[in-house]
Amino acid sequence: MIRLVLPAHLRKLAKVNGEVHLDVTGQVTQRIVLDALEAAYPVLRGTIRDHESGKRRPFIRFFACEQDLSHEPPDTALPEPVLCGREPYLVVAAMAGG
């Protein structure tokens, strides 16, 4: 089970409270987790990744085990603590402005 934390505006859009739990098997990568998230919550399609390119949207960041994974290739395996549910995978909305 993967524990996933979404920013408040995406939790509201998906109508979820707290963490999202996803059952994912096999090699677990950022792409696999985001695919599973979008399959479970179709309303989130296009909010985290671009529809056509699949690339991360600007102002969205990914973290796990205190590491910024935002610029890692999407098919890089997630850290072991995330895979076993000890640590969450975080989707973070970056802030900008002045």
C-alpha atoms as a PDB file:
ATOM      1  CA  MET A   1       0.000   0.000   0.000  1.00  0.00           C
ATOM      2  CA  ILE A   2       1.254   3.442  -0.952  1.00  0.00           C
ATOM      3  CA  ARG A   3       0.328   6.371   1.277  1.00  0.00           C
ATOM      4  CA  LEU A   4      -0.087   9.506  -0.799  1.00  0.00           C
ATOM      5  CA  VAL A   5      -0.559  13.056   0.499  1.00  0.00           C
ATOM      6  CA  LEU A   6      -2.155  15.606  -1.815  1.00  0.00           C
ATOM      7  CA  PRO A   7      -2.306  19.396  -1.449  1.00  0.00           C
ATOM      8  CA  ALA A   8      -5.570  20.767  -0.055  1.00  0.00           C
ATOM      9  CA  HIS A   9      -6.972  21.959  -3.386  1.00  0.00           C
ATOM     10  CA  LEU A  10      -6.522  18.511  -4.979  1.00  0.00           C
ATOM     11  CA  ARG A  11      -7.987  16.732  -1.924  1.00  0.00           C
ATOM     12  CA  LYS A  12     -11.028  18.991  -2.222  1.00  0.00           C
ATOM     13  CA  LEU A  13     -11.328  18.313  -5.963  1.00  0.00           C
ATOM     14  CA  ALA A  14     -11.079  14.548  -5.409  1.00  0.00           C
ATOM     15  CA  LYS A  15     -13.381  14.740  -2.352  1.00  0.00           C
ATOM     16  CA  VAL A  16     -10.937  12.971  -0.034  1.00  0.00           C
ATOM     17  CA  ASN A  17      -9.869  13.740   3.513  1.00  0.00           C
ATOM     18  CA  GLY A  18      -6.331  13.037   4.667  1.00  0.00           C
ATOM     19  CA  GLU A  19      -4.073  10.560   2.921  1.00  0.00           C
ATOM     20  CA  VAL A  20      -4.985   8.550  -0.148  1.00  0.00           C
ATOM     21  CA  HIS A  21      -4.094   4.845   0.041  1.00  0.00           C
ATOM     22  CA  LEU A  22      -3.288   3.087  -3.223  1.00  0.00           C
ATOM     23  CA  ASP A  23      -2.721  -0.630  -3.744  1.00  0.00           C
ATOM     24  CA  VAL A  24       0.067  -0.907  -6.290  1.00  0.00           C
ATOM     25  CA  THR A  25       2.003  -4.067  -7.088  1.00  0.00           C
ATOM     26  CA  GLY A  26       5.236  -4.819  -8.903  1.00  0.00           C
ATOM     27  CA  GLN A  27       7.933  -2.214  -9.381  1.00  0.00           C
ATOM     28  CA  VAL A  28       6.509   1.009  -7.997  1.00  0.00           C
ATOM     29  CA  THR A  29       7.595   4.215  -9.696  1.00  0.00           C
ATOM     30  CA  GLN A  30       6.290   7.771  -9.663  1.00  0.00           C
ATOM     31  CA  ARG A  31       4.570   7.103 -12.996  1.00  0.00           C
ATOM     32  CA  ILE A  32       2.848   3.956 -11.665  1.00  0.00           C
ATOM     33  CA  VAL A  33       1.650   5.749  -8.519  1.00  0.00           C
ATOM     34  CA  LEU A  34       0.314   8.731 -10.465  1.00  0.00           C
ATOM     35  CA  ASP A  35      -1.359   6.405 -12.985  1.00  0.00           C
ATOM     36  CA  ALA A  36      -3.051   4.559 -10.090  1.00  0.00           C
ATOM     37  CA  LEU A  37      -4.086   7.862  -8.499  1.00  0.00           C
ATOM     38  CA  GLU A  38      -5.643   9.120 -11.739  1.00  0.00           C
ATOM     39  CA  ALA A  39      -7.405   5.780 -12.284  1.00  0.00           C
ATOM     40  CA  ALA A  40      -8.892   5.905  -8.779  1.00  0.00           C
ATOM     41  CA  TYR A  41      -9.729   9.630  -8.993  1.00  0.00           C
ATOM     42  CA  PRO A  42     -10.325  10.505 -12.671  1.00  0.00           C
ATOM     43  CA  VAL A  43     -11.129  14.109 -11.732  1.00  0.00           C
ATOM     44  CA  LEU A  44      -7.400  14.562 -10.996  1.00  0.00           C
ATOM     45  CA  ARG A  45      -6.316  13.740 -14.562  1.00  0.00           C
ATOM     46  CA  GLY A  46      -4.404  16.691 -15.939  1.00  0.00           C
ATOM     47  CA  THR A  47      -4.044  18.454 -12.587  1.00  0.00           C
ATOM     48  CA  ILE A  48      -0.704  16.905 -11.627  1.00  0.00           C
ATOM     49  CA  ARG A  49       0.660  15.954 -15.050  1.00  0.00           C
ATOM     50  CA  ASP A  50       0.031  17.348 -18.509  1.00  0.00           C
ATOM     51  CA  HIS A  51      -2.543  15.293 -20.462  1.00  0.00           C
ATOM     52  CA  GLU A  52      -0.449  14.931 -23.592  1.00  0.00           C
ATOM     53  CA  SER A  53       3.180  14.899 -22.471  1.00  0.00           C
ATOM     54  CA  GLY A  54       2.692  13.301 -19.062  1.00  0.00           C
ATOM     55  CA  LYS A  55       5.195  15.779 -17.621  1.00  0.00           C
ATOM     56  CA  ARG A  56       4.824  17.259 -14.170  1.00  0.00           C
ATOM     57  CA  ARG A  57       2.818  20.472 -14.156  1.00  0.00           C
ATOM     58  CA  PRO A  58       4.604  23.680 -13.106  1.00  0.00           C
ATOM     59  CA  PHE A  59       4.273  24.397  -9.393  1.00  0.00           C
ATOM     60  CA  ILE A  60       3.758  20.719  -8.510  1.00  0.00           C
ATOM     61  CA  ARG A  61       6.565  18.953  -6.674  1.00  0.00           C
ATOM     62  CA  PHE A  62       7.061  15.350  -5.508  1.00  0.00           C
ATOM     63  CA  PHE A  63       8.773  14.355  -2.269  1.00  0.00           C
ATOM     64  CA  ALA A  64       9.516  11.111  -0.448  1.00  0.00           C
ATOM     65  CA  CYS A  65      11.745  10.412   2.548  1.00  0.00           C
ATOM     66  CA  GLU A  66      12.750  14.093   2.733  1.00  0.00           C
ATOM     67  CA  GLN A  67      14.032  13.978  -0.862  1.00  0.00           C
ATOM     68  CA  ASP A  68      12.803  16.116  -3.747  1.00  0.00           C
ATOM     69  CA  LEU A  69      11.918  13.655  -6.519  1.00  0.00           C
ATOM     70  CA  SER A  70      10.429  16.287  -8.822  1.00  0.00           C
ATOM     71  CA  HIS A  71      13.253  16.129 -11.362  1.00  0.00           C
ATOM     72  CA  GLU A  72      13.835  12.369 -11.192  1.00  0.00           C
ATOM     73  CA  PRO A  73      12.798  10.313 -14.237  1.00  0.00           C
ATOM     74  CA  PRO A  74       9.176   9.146 -13.834  1.00  0.00           C
ATOM     75  CA  ASP A  75      10.211   5.474 -14.022  1.00  0.00           C
ATOM     76  CA  THR A  76      12.684   5.627 -11.122  1.00  0.00           C
ATOM     77  CA  ALA A  77      11.655   3.267  -8.310  1.00  0.00           C
ATOM     78  CA  LEU A  78      10.352   4.915  -5.159  1.00  0.00           C
ATOM     79  CA  PRO A  79      12.296   4.516  -1.876  1.00  0.00           C
ATOM     80  CA  GLU A  80      11.666   1.382   0.191  1.00  0.00           C
ATOM     81  CA  PRO A  81       9.985   3.223   3.124  1.00  0.00           C
ATOM     82  CA  VAL A  82       7.358   4.521   0.677  1.00  0.00           C
ATOM     83  CA  LEU A  83       6.830   1.068  -0.828  1.00  0.00           C
ATOM     84  CA  CYS A  84       6.094  -0.521   2.537  1.00  0.00           C
ATOM     85  CA  GLY A  85       3.899   2.343   3.756  1.00  0.00           C
ATOM     86  CA  ARG A  86       6.191   3.684   6.491  1.00  0.00           C
ATOM     87  CA  GLU A  87       6.612   7.003   4.678  1.00  0.00           C
ATOM     88  CA  PRO A  88       4.142   8.847   2.438  1.00  0.00           C
ATOM     89  CA  TYR A  89       4.682  10.005  -1.120  1.00  0.00           C
ATOM     90  CA  LEU A  90       3.967  13.734  -1.156  1.00  0.00           C
ATOM     91  CA  VAL A  91       2.486  15.753  -3.985  1.00  0.00           C
ATOM     92  CA  VAL A  92       3.128  19.369  -3.035  1.00  0.00           C
ATOM     93  CA  ALA A  93       1.778  22.546  -4.574  1.00  0.00           C
ATOM     94  CA  ALA A  94       4.667  24.998  -4.729  1.00  0.00           C
ATOM     95  CA  MET A  95       4.012  28.592  -3.795  1.00  0.00           C
ATOM     96  CA  ALA A  96       5.002  31.549  -5.921  1.00  0.00           C
ATOM     97  CA  GLY A  97       4.431  35.223  -5.918  1.00  0.00           C
ATOM     98  CA  GLY A  98       5.399  38.153  -3.833  1.00  0.00           C
END
